[in-house]
Protein backbone atom coordinates (compact mmCIF):
# COMPACT_ATOMS: atom_id res chain seq x y z
CA MET A 1 -56.59 26.47 -10.91
CA TRP A 2 -58.68 25.12 -9.26
CA LYS A 3 -60.79 22.06 -9.94
CA VAL A 4 -63.86 20.46 -8.29
CA LEU A 5 -64.37 17.70 -6.35
CA VAL A 6 -67.10 15.45 -4.83
CA VAL A 7 -67.39 13.08 -2.11
CA ILE A 8 -70.28 11.78 -1.95
CA CYS A 9 -70.41 8.36 0.94
CA ILE A 10 -74.10 5.84 0.83
CA ILE A 11 -74.97 3.96 3.18
CA GLY A 12 -73.73 0.24 2.55
CA ASN A 13 -71.27 1.35 0.61
CA PRO A 14 -67.93 3.38 0.53
CA CYS A 15 -66.91 6.89 0.40
CA THR A 16 -65.62 7.05 -3.84
CA MET A 17 -64.32 10.57 -5.14
CA PHE A 18 -65.37 11.83 -7.86
CA VAL A 19 -63.87 14.76 -10.12
CA GLU A 20 -65.61 16.45 -13.21
CA ASP A 21 -64.89 14.86 -16.32
CA PRO A 22 -62.58 16.61 -18.95
CA VAL A 23 -61.63 17.47 -16.02
CA LYS A 24 -62.76 22.03 -16.15
CA PHE A 25 -60.97 24.13 -14.17
CA TYR A 26 -61.73 27.60 -12.02
CA PRO A 27 -59.78 30.41 -12.24
CA THR A 28 -60.72 31.35 -8.21
CA GLU A 29 -61.52 29.07 -5.38
CA GLU A 30 -64.53 30.96 -5.50
CA GLN A 31 -66.23 29.98 -8.40
CA CYS A 32 -63.99 26.71 -8.12
CA MET A 33 -66.57 26.33 -4.70
CA ILE A 34 -69.55 27.79 -6.41
CA LYS A 35 -69.34 25.13 -8.89
CA ALA A 36 -68.33 22.36 -6.69
CA GLU A 37 -71.47 22.91 -4.37
CA GLU A 38 -74.48 23.21 -7.31
CA LYS A 39 -72.41 20.00 -8.50
CA ALA A 40 -72.77 18.11 -5.71
CA LYS A 41 -76.49 18.85 -4.91
CA ALA A 42 -77.10 17.06 -8.38
CA MET A 43 -74.84 14.06 -8.10
CA VAL A 44 -77.08 13.55 -4.18
CA GLY A 45 -80.11 14.65 -6.12
CA THR A 46 -79.53 11.58 -9.29
CA PHE A 47 -78.53 9.12 -6.30
CA GLN A 48 -81.62 10.37 -4.88
CA ASP A 49 -83.90 9.57 -6.91
CA PHE A 50 -82.13 6.65 -7.83
CA GLY A 51 -82.83 4.52 -4.39
CA TYR A 52 -79.84 5.82 -2.95
CA HIS A 53 -79.11 6.68 1.26
CA ILE A 54 -77.51 9.29 1.34
CA ASP A 55 -74.26 8.97 4.67
CA SER A 56 -72.87 11.64 4.34
CA GLU A 57 -71.37 14.69 0.82
CA ALA A 58 -67.93 16.29 0.74
CA HIS A 59 -66.89 18.82 -1.99
CA SER A 60 -63.94 21.39 -2.20
CA CYS A 61 -61.72 22.28 -5.06
CA MET A 62 -58.08 21.47 -5.35
CA TYR A 63 -55.44 24.14 -6.53
CA VAL A 64 -53.54 22.50 -9.56
CA ASP A 65 -50.52 24.24 -10.40
CA THR A 66 -51.25 24.59 -14.14
CA THR A 67 -48.32 26.38 -14.87
CA GLN A 68 -45.64 22.92 -14.78
CA SER A 69 -44.12 21.60 -17.75
CA THR A 70 -44.21 17.82 -17.92
């Protein structure tokens, strides 16, 4: 299973990594990447609406083995 990761760097602040809360898992990397791009665009837009200046943005997906028992 795959989960979304988004990193946003705002001028004058450290870069921050975000994950969905609650975490959602996607069955394929392709589906996850589509959602990651949507989330990143929406988040950048929201930050800009509040007057923040975005230095950079990156999005990706991380594989999580959900079959492991704890």
